[in-house]
Amino acid sequence: MTAIDRLPATDPRAALKLLSAALIKVHKAMLDTELERFGAAADPYQRLSLVTGHPDFAWLKAISDLIVSIDETRSPRRLPPPGPGDVARHAGEVAALVRPGPDSLATAEAGETAGAQARYHALVGEVTEVAVAHGVLRKVLDQLHPPVPSH
């Protein structure tokens, strides 16, 4: 049994921690893939410079921003503490990025976010490590933000 299978429905901080951890794994797999395709930088400073300043990596900012937002919400310093509404909001934001269909950001927003979603799904289909991380993230989302059945 994994931590995902024991997701504490009554502990919003724990639920947000699992969501953040799953999204971080997806982000890392995607970042590693993009760095490999771009050509590995010689040192960590060059990697950081590429990731934060090169246009080929700009689409990853949507995922980075989600991670930061989730982690700020689950911070022990946050008052009031996160509640079920915070979990639902963040899970919905992540679902909008990773799920095609009615939750999709591509249907709600144009431009950079839709581009991030398109690139996200392309990598899920092309790279095994990304697909595996995406599968874990989907499992967390299915518990926190079940998909709306289509009719």
Foldseek 3Di string as FASTA:
>chain_A
DDCLVVPDPFDLLSLLVLLLVLLVQLLVVVLVVLCVVVDPDPDPVVSVCCCPPPPSNVLSVLSVVLSVVSCVQSDPPDPPHDGLVSLLVSLLSVCLQAPPDPSHVVVVDDDSSVVSSVVLVVCCVPPPSSVVSSVSSVSSSCVSPNDDDDD
